[in-house]
Amino acid sequence: VIATCRTPEKADDLKALQANYPRIVVEQLDVTDHAGIDQLAKEYEGQPIDLLVNNAAILGPLPEQKIGGLDYELFQQVMAINVYGPMKMTEAFTDHVAASEQKKVVALSSGLSSIKMTSKMPGFYYYRSSKAALNMVMRGMRTDLRSRGIIVALIAPGMVGTQLLYDSGWRGKSLTPQESVAGMSAHIEQLTLEDPGEIVNTDGTIIPW
């Protein structure tokens, strides 16, 4: 497992996992650093990667995502991390995935990306828009990479109690990371090229576009 994060020296959870599972490698990476992504891909040239998970994302402070307080620089930051990052990662590591046995690329979407469900919750402009854009990008890559045998899928982890959620100010009900990952892992395991490419929630339900 190759795990990446911005500041490995502060990634206590990753370091604890690494201590118990020596096959975990932790690499420094910021998905907004495209040169850094290219460099990491070069370092692992020739290394097959069965599953590429595009997990990095930010929600952004919620007060700056409401009419009257919109912060467009923050919007750009959210797009850079949530959309451009997964695009660049998938592009840079396409050959690694194509050389593997499973050939899977997964990007984490969100129920908040659904246009049909928008009326259920106000705000979240930047996050909603970024995840909707991510959906379109990954659907396009799914079409383009199919000829190489690569499966590209969108999975929503649900509302998970992570640092991302807590930093946003959210204090509502949430899943534990373990609950979310268990559901996503089961879905990833059974992915095939015949998968219709819909956004699947961690509980197996389909999220409408």
C-alpha atoms as a PDB file:
ATOM      1  CA  VAL A   1       0.000   0.000   0.000  1.00  0.00           C
ATOM      2  CA  ILE A   2       1.361   3.382  -1.008  1.00  0.00           C
ATOM      3  CA  ALA A   3      -0.264   6.032   1.156  1.00  0.00           C
ATOM      4  CA  THR A   4       0.281   9.718   0.473  1.00  0.00           C
ATOM      5  CA  CYS A   5      -0.249  12.778   2.639  1.00  0.00           C
ATOM      6  CA  ARG A   6       0.956  16.366   2.798  1.00  0.00           C
ATOM      7  CA  THR A   7       2.917  16.084   6.061  1.00  0.00           C
ATOM      8  CA  PRO A   8       3.994  12.497   6.847  1.00  0.00           C
ATOM      9  CA  GLU A   9       5.693  13.569  10.069  1.00  0.00           C
ATOM     10  CA  LYS A  10       2.297  14.654  11.437  1.00  0.00           C
ATOM     11  CA  ALA A  11       0.321  11.663  10.103  1.00  0.00           C
ATOM     12  CA  ASP A  12       0.096   9.791  13.401  1.00  0.00           C
ATOM     13  CA  ASP A  13      -2.623   7.379  12.247  1.00  0.00           C
ATOM     14  CA  LEU A  14      -0.643   6.442   9.154  1.00  0.00           C
ATOM     15  CA  LYS A  15       2.520   5.979  11.180  1.00  0.00           C
ATOM     16  CA  ALA A  16       0.671   3.697  13.591  1.00  0.00           C
ATOM     17  CA  LEU A  17      -0.620   1.600  10.700  1.00  0.00           C
ATOM     18  CA  GLN A  18       2.828   1.453   9.179  1.00  0.00           C
ATOM     19  CA  ALA A  19       4.244   0.154  12.457  1.00  0.00           C
ATOM     20  CA  ASN A  20       1.772  -2.750  12.381  1.00  0.00           C
ATOM     21  CA  TYR A  21       1.857  -3.350   8.624  1.00  0.00           C
ATOM     22  CA  PRO A  22       5.411  -2.939   7.240  1.00  0.00           C
ATOM     23  CA  ARG A  23       4.201  -3.186   3.617  1.00  0.00           C
ATOM     24  CA  ILE A  24       2.633   0.274   3.933  1.00  0.00           C
ATOM     25  CA  VAL A  25       4.791   2.986   2.398  1.00  0.00           C
ATOM     26  CA  VAL A  26       4.046   6.621   3.245  1.00  0.00           C
ATOM     27  CA  GLU A  27       4.975   9.227   0.654  1.00  0.00           C
ATOM     28  CA  GLN A  28       4.766  13.018   0.888  1.00  0.00           C
ATOM     29  CA  LEU A  29       2.351  14.458  -1.668  1.00  0.00           C
ATOM     30  CA  ASP A  30       0.074  17.460  -2.103  1.00  0.00           C
ATOM     31  CA  VAL A  31      -2.416  16.873  -4.922  1.00  0.00           C
ATOM     32  CA  THR A  32      -2.244  20.555  -5.887  1.00  0.00           C
ATOM     33  CA  ASP A  33       1.470  20.081  -6.665  1.00  0.00           C
ATOM     34  CA  HIS A  34       1.308  18.655 -10.185  1.00  0.00           C
ATOM     35  CA  ALA A  35       5.069  18.541 -10.545  1.00  0.00           C
ATOM     36  CA  GLY A  36       5.207  16.542  -7.325  1.00  0.00           C
ATOM     37  CA  ILE A  37       2.617  14.108  -8.702  1.00  0.00           C
ATOM     38  CA  ASP A  38       4.675  13.617 -11.860  1.00  0.00           C
ATOM     39  CA  GLN A  39       7.800  13.050  -9.780  1.00  0.00           C
ATOM     40  CA  LEU A  40       6.083  10.422  -7.606  1.00  0.00           C
ATOM     41  CA  ALA A  41       4.729   8.651 -10.692  1.00  0.00           C
ATOM     42  CA  LYS A  42       8.265   8.596 -12.130  1.00  0.00           C
ATOM     43  CA  GLU A  43       9.679   7.167  -8.892  1.00  0.00           C
ATOM     44  CA  TYR A  44       7.201   4.293  -9.126  1.00  0.00           C
ATOM     45  CA  GLU A  45       7.650   3.774 -12.863  1.00  0.00           C
ATOM     46  CA  GLY A  46       7.133   0.103 -13.694  1.00  0.00           C
ATOM     47  CA  GLN A  47       5.270  -0.564 -10.431  1.00  0.00           C
ATOM     48  CA  PRO A  48       1.770  -1.987 -11.106  1.00  0.00           C
ATOM     49  CA  ILE A  49      -0.980  -0.379  -8.999  1.00  0.00           C
ATOM     50  CA  ASP A  50      -4.118  -2.512  -8.693  1.00  0.00           C
ATOM     51  CA  LEU A  51      -6.263   0.196  -7.120  1.00  0.00           C
ATOM     52  CA  LEU A  52      -5.782   3.949  -7.281  1.00  0.00           C
ATOM     53  CA  VAL A  53      -8.017   5.694  -4.735  1.00  0.00           C
ATOM     54  CA  ASN A  54      -8.517   9.437  -5.194  1.00  0.00           C
ATOM     55  CA  ASN A  55      -9.472  10.361  -1.655  1.00  0.00           C
ATOM     56  CA  ALA A  56      -7.977  13.809  -1.000  1.00  0.00           C
ATOM     57  CA  ALA A  57     -10.610  16.538  -0.692  1.00  0.00           C
ATOM     58  CA  ILE A  58     -11.647  19.558   1.333  1.00  0.00           C
ATOM     59  CA  LEU A  59     -15.116  20.715   2.261  1.00  0.00           C
ATOM     60  CA  GLY A  60     -14.185  24.291   3.015  1.00  0.00           C
ATOM     61  CA  PRO A  61     -15.662  26.439   5.819  1.00  0.00           C
ATOM     62  CA  LEU A  62     -19.436  26.507   5.488  1.00  0.00           C
ATOM     63  CA  PRO A  63     -20.021  30.240   6.270  1.00  0.00           C
ATOM     64  CA  GLU A  64     -18.032  31.121   3.123  1.00  0.00           C
ATOM     65  CA  GLN A  65     -20.380  28.960   1.041  1.00  0.00           C
ATOM     66  CA  LYS A  66     -23.549  30.963   1.579  1.00  0.00           C
ATOM     67  CA  ILE A  67     -24.947  33.902  -0.338  1.00  0.00           C
ATOM     68  CA  GLY A  68     -23.619  37.106   1.179  1.00  0.00           C
ATOM     69  CA  GLY A  69     -20.313  35.579   2.215  1.00  0.00           C
ATOM     70  CA  LEU A  70     -19.023  33.829  -0.895  1.00  0.00           C
ATOM     71  CA  ASP A  71     -15.237  33.558  -1.068  1.00  0.00           C
ATOM     72  CA  TYR A  72     -14.114  32.884  -4.639  1.00  0.00           C
ATOM     73  CA  GLU A  73     -10.483  32.232  -3.765  1.00  0.00           C
ATOM     74  CA  LEU A  74     -11.687  29.472  -1.462  1.00  0.00           C
ATOM     75  CA  PHE A  75     -13.844  28.153  -4.316  1.00  0.00           C
ATOM     76  CA  GLN A  76     -10.735  27.900  -6.502  1.00  0.00           C
ATOM     77  CA  GLN A  77      -8.872  26.055  -3.757  1.00  0.00           C
ATOM     78  CA  VAL A  78     -11.690  23.535  -3.377  1.00  0.00           C
ATOM     79  CA  MET A  79     -11.734  22.936  -7.140  1.00  0.00           C
ATOM     80  CA  ALA A  80      -7.941  22.550  -7.261  1.00  0.00           C
ATOM     81  CA  ILE A  81      -7.994  19.828  -4.617  1.00  0.00           C
ATOM     82  CA  ASN A  82     -11.298  18.080  -5.335  1.00  0.00           C
ATOM     83  CA  VAL A  83     -11.261  18.110  -9.153  1.00  0.00           C
ATOM     84  CA  TYR A  84      -7.872  18.954 -10.636  1.00  0.00           C
ATOM     85  CA  GLY A  85      -6.064  16.726  -8.122  1.00  0.00           C
ATOM     86  CA  PRO A  86      -7.922  13.494  -8.991  1.00  0.00           C
ATOM     87  CA  MET A  87      -7.644  14.317 -12.700  1.00  0.00           C
ATOM     88  CA  LYS A  88      -3.892  14.750 -12.460  1.00  0.00           C
ATOM     89  CA  MET A  89      -3.400  11.687 -10.242  1.00  0.00           C
ATOM     90  CA  THR A  90      -5.360   9.468 -12.613  1.00  0.00           C
ATOM     91  CA  GLU A  91      -3.528  10.830 -15.638  1.00  0.00           C
ATOM     92  CA  ALA A  92      -0.091  10.446 -14.033  1.00  0.00           C
ATOM     93  CA  PHE A  93      -0.689   6.893 -12.796  1.00  0.00           C
ATOM     94  CA  THR A  94      -2.646   5.488 -15.746  1.00  0.00           C
ATOM     95  CA  ASP A  95       0.261   3.316 -16.916  1.00  0.00           C
ATOM     96  CA  HIS A  96       0.786   1.941 -13.404  1.00  0.00           C
ATOM     97  CA  VAL A  97      -2.885   0.934 -13.152  1.00  0.00           C
ATOM     98  CA  ALA A  98      -2.943  -0.488 -16.694  1.00  0.00           C
ATOM     99  CA  ALA A  99       0.015  -2.732 -15.812  1.00  0.00           C
ATOM    100  CA  SER A 100      -1.802  -4.273 -12.822  1.00  0.00           C
ATOM    101  CA  GLU A 101      -4.172  -7.218 -12.464  1.00  0.00           C
ATOM    102  CA  GLN A 102      -7.212  -5.392 -11.074  1.00  0.00           C
ATOM    103  CA  LYS A 103      -6.904  -2.152 -13.058  1.00  0.00           C
ATOM    104  CA  LYS A 104      -9.187  -0.040 -10.861  1.00  0.00           C
ATOM    105  CA  VAL A 105      -9.433   3.713 -10.298  1.00  0.00           C
ATOM    106  CA  VAL A 106     -11.869   4.959  -7.660  1.00  0.00           C
ATOM    107  CA  ALA A 107     -12.746   8.562  -6.909  1.00  0.00           C
ATOM    108  CA  LEU A 108     -14.735   9.550  -3.840  1.00  0.00           C
ATOM    109  CA  SER A 109     -17.837  11.486  -4.816  1.00  0.00           C
ATOM    110  CA  SER A 110     -20.632  12.697  -2.538  1.00  0.00           C
ATOM    111  CA  GLY A 111     -24.387  12.734  -2.202  1.00  0.00           C
ATOM    112  CA  LEU A 112     -24.024  16.519  -2.207  1.00  0.00           C
ATOM    113  CA  SER A 113     -22.975  16.332  -5.874  1.00  0.00           C
ATOM    114  CA  SER A 114     -26.463  15.242  -6.909  1.00  0.00           C
ATOM    115  CA  ILE A 115     -28.380  17.972  -8.725  1.00  0.00           C
ATOM    116  CA  LYS A 116     -31.613  16.087  -8.101  1.00  0.00           C
ATOM    117  CA  MET A 117     -31.035  16.077  -4.337  1.00  0.00           C
ATOM    118  CA  THR A 118     -29.836  19.697  -4.049  1.00  0.00           C
ATOM    119  CA  SER A 119     -33.067  20.948  -2.462  1.00  0.00           C
ATOM    120  CA  LYS A 120     -32.542  18.756   0.600  1.00  0.00           C
ATOM    121  CA  MET A 121     -29.664  20.822   2.016  1.00  0.00           C
ATOM    122  CA  PRO A 122     -28.735  24.491   1.455  1.00  0.00           C
ATOM    123  CA  GLY A 123     -25.251  25.938   0.959  1.00  0.00           C
ATOM    124  CA  PHE A 124     -22.137  23.841   0.297  1.00  0.00           C
ATOM    125  CA  TYR A 125     -21.754  25.640  -3.069  1.00  0.00           C
ATOM    126  CA  TYR A 126     -18.059  24.968  -3.600  1.00  0.00           C
ATOM    127  CA  TYR A 127     -18.083  21.385  -2.379  1.00  0.00           C
ATOM    128  CA  ARG A 128     -21.240  20.503  -4.331  1.00  0.00           C
ATOM    129  CA  SER A 129     -19.869  22.033  -7.536  1.00  0.00           C
ATOM    130  CA  SER A 130     -16.477  20.384  -7.174  1.00  0.00           C
ATOM    131  CA  LYS A 131     -17.933  16.928  -6.651  1.00  0.00           C
ATOM    132  CA  ALA A 132     -20.363  17.367  -9.552  1.00  0.00           C
ATOM    133  CA  ALA A 133     -17.384  18.322 -11.735  1.00  0.00           C
ATOM    134  CA  LEU A 134     -15.450  15.322 -10.412  1.00  0.00           C
ATOM    135  CA  ASN A 135     -18.334  13.064 -11.452  1.00  0.00           C
ATOM    136  CA  MET A 136     -18.171  14.355 -15.020  1.00  0.00           C
ATOM    137  CA  VAL A 137     -14.379  14.095 -15.185  1.00  0.00           C
ATOM    138  CA  MET A 138     -14.369  10.522 -13.958  1.00  0.00           C
ATOM    139  CA  ARG A 139     -17.182   9.503 -16.276  1.00  0.00           C
ATOM    140  CA  GLY A 140     -15.145  10.876 -19.170  1.00  0.00           C
ATOM    141  CA  MET A 141     -12.016   9.056 -18.009  1.00  0.00           C
ATOM    142  CA  ARG A 142     -14.074   5.895 -17.603  1.00  0.00           C
ATOM    143  CA  THR A 143     -14.910   6.062 -21.302  1.00  0.00           C
ATOM    144  CA  ASP A 144     -11.383   6.921 -22.414  1.00  0.00           C
ATOM    145  CA  LEU A 145      -9.607   4.293 -20.286  1.00  0.00           C
ATOM    146  CA  ARG A 146     -11.984   1.412 -20.920  1.00  0.00           C
ATOM    147  CA  SER A 147      -9.975   0.354 -23.995  1.00  0.00           C
ATOM    148  CA  ARG A 148      -7.001  -0.266 -21.699  1.00  0.00           C
ATOM    149  CA  GLY A 149      -9.094  -2.482 -19.448  1.00  0.00           C
ATOM    150  CA  ILE A 150      -9.192   0.127 -16.667  1.00  0.00           C
ATOM    151  CA  ILE A 151     -12.289   0.359 -14.467  1.00  0.00           C
ATOM    152  CA  VAL A 152     -13.116   3.868 -13.253  1.00  0.00           C
ATOM    153  CA  ALA A 153     -15.722   4.138 -10.507  1.00  0.00           C
ATOM    154  CA  LEU A 154     -17.371   6.780  -8.326  1.00  0.00           C
ATOM    155  CA  ILE A 155     -18.202   5.947  -4.722  1.00  0.00           C
ATOM    156  CA  ALA A 156     -19.693   8.202  -2.051  1.00  0.00           C
ATOM    157  CA  PRO A 157     -18.362   7.454   1.446  1.00  0.00           C
ATOM    158  CA  GLY A 158     -21.396   8.954   3.193  1.00  0.00           C
ATOM    159  CA  MET A 159     -21.204  11.549   5.948  1.00  0.00           C
ATOM    160  CA  VAL A 160     -18.090  10.329   7.740  1.00  0.00           C
ATOM    161  CA  GLY A 161     -16.683  11.621  11.011  1.00  0.00           C
ATOM    162  CA  THR A 162     -13.274  12.723   9.718  1.00  0.00           C
ATOM    163  CA  GLN A 163     -11.157  15.821  10.238  1.00  0.00           C
ATOM    164  CA  LEU A 164     -12.532  17.235   6.984  1.00  0.00           C
ATOM    165  CA  LEU A 165     -16.066  17.131   8.369  1.00  0.00           C
ATOM    166  CA  TYR A 166     -15.164  18.470  11.801  1.00  0.00           C
ATOM    167  CA  ASP A 167     -13.133  21.342  10.353  1.00  0.00           C
ATOM    168  CA  SER A 168     -16.236  22.453   8.463  1.00  0.00           C
ATOM    169  CA  GLY A 169     -18.111  23.006  11.713  1.00  0.00           C
ATOM    170  CA  TRP A 170     -20.517  20.102  11.137  1.00  0.00           C
ATOM    171  CA  ARG A 171     -21.700  18.492  14.367  1.00  0.00           C
ATOM    172  CA  GLY A 172     -24.516  16.311  13.077  1.00  0.00           C
ATOM    173  CA  LYS A 173     -24.783  12.533  12.805  1.00  0.00           C
ATOM    174  CA  SER A 174     -21.984  10.759  10.947  1.00  0.00           C
ATOM    175  CA  LEU A 175     -20.587   7.334  10.119  1.00  0.00           C
ATOM    176  CA  THR A 176     -17.337   6.083  11.588  1.00  0.00           C
ATOM    177  CA  PRO A 177     -14.488   5.722   9.076  1.00  0.00           C
ATOM    178  CA  GLN A 178     -14.588   1.958   9.671  1.00  0.00           C
ATOM    179  CA  GLU A 179     -18.291   1.770   8.754  1.00  0.00           C
ATOM    180  CA  SER A 180     -17.775   3.803   5.609  1.00  0.00           C
ATOM    181  CA  VAL A 181     -14.690   1.913   4.423  1.00  0.00           C
ATOM    182  CA  ALA A 182     -16.325  -1.489   4.980  1.00  0.00           C
ATOM    183  CA  GLY A 183     -19.147  -0.576   2.603  1.00  0.00           C
ATOM    184  CA  MET A 184     -16.872   0.971  -0.006  1.00  0.00           C
ATOM    185  CA  SER A 185     -14.440  -1.947   0.075  1.00  0.00           C
ATOM    186  CA  ALA A 186     -17.223  -4.431  -0.600  1.00  0.00           C
ATOM    187  CA  HIS A 187     -18.305  -2.434  -3.654  1.00  0.00           C
ATOM    188  CA  ILE A 188     -14.750  -1.967  -4.967  1.00  0.00           C
ATOM    189  CA  GLU A 189     -14.110  -5.691  -4.657  1.00  0.00           C
ATOM    190  CA  GLN A 190     -16.887  -6.577  -7.100  1.00  0.00           C
ATOM    191  CA  LEU A 191     -16.248  -3.851  -9.705  1.00  0.00           C
ATOM    192  CA  THR A 192     -15.940  -4.984 -13.330  1.00  0.00           C
ATOM    193  CA  LEU A 193     -15.715  -3.285 -16.729  1.00  0.00           C
ATOM    194  CA  GLU A 194     -19.456  -3.901 -17.070  1.00  0.00           C
ATOM    195  CA  ASP A 195     -20.162  -1.645 -14.093  1.00  0.00           C
ATOM    196  CA  PRO A 196     -22.624   1.048 -15.304  1.00  0.00           C
ATOM    197  CA  GLY A 197     -20.563   3.864 -13.764  1.00  0.00           C
ATOM    198  CA  GLU A 198     -23.245   5.223 -11.455  1.00  0.00           C
ATOM    199  CA  ILE A 199     -22.426   6.941  -8.175  1.00  0.00           C
ATOM    200  CA  VAL A 200     -22.813   4.328  -5.457  1.00  0.00           C
ATOM    201  CA  ASN A 201     -23.147   5.210  -1.794  1.00  0.00           C
ATOM    202  CA  THR A 202     -21.237   3.244   0.814  1.00  0.00           C
ATOM    203  CA  ASP A 203     -24.471   1.456   1.765  1.00  0.00           C
ATOM    204  CA  GLY A 204     -24.931   0.249  -1.821  1.00  0.00           C
ATOM    205  CA  THR A 205     -27.678   2.680  -2.839  1.00  0.00           C
ATOM    206  CA  ILE A 206     -27.440   4.573  -6.122  1.00  0.00           C
ATOM    207  CA  ILE A 207     -27.100   8.361  -5.874  1.00  0.00           C
ATOM    208  CA  PRO A 208     -29.049  10.113  -8.659  1.00  0.00           C
ATOM    209  CA  TRP A 209     -27.256  12.575 -10.933  1.00  0.00           C
END
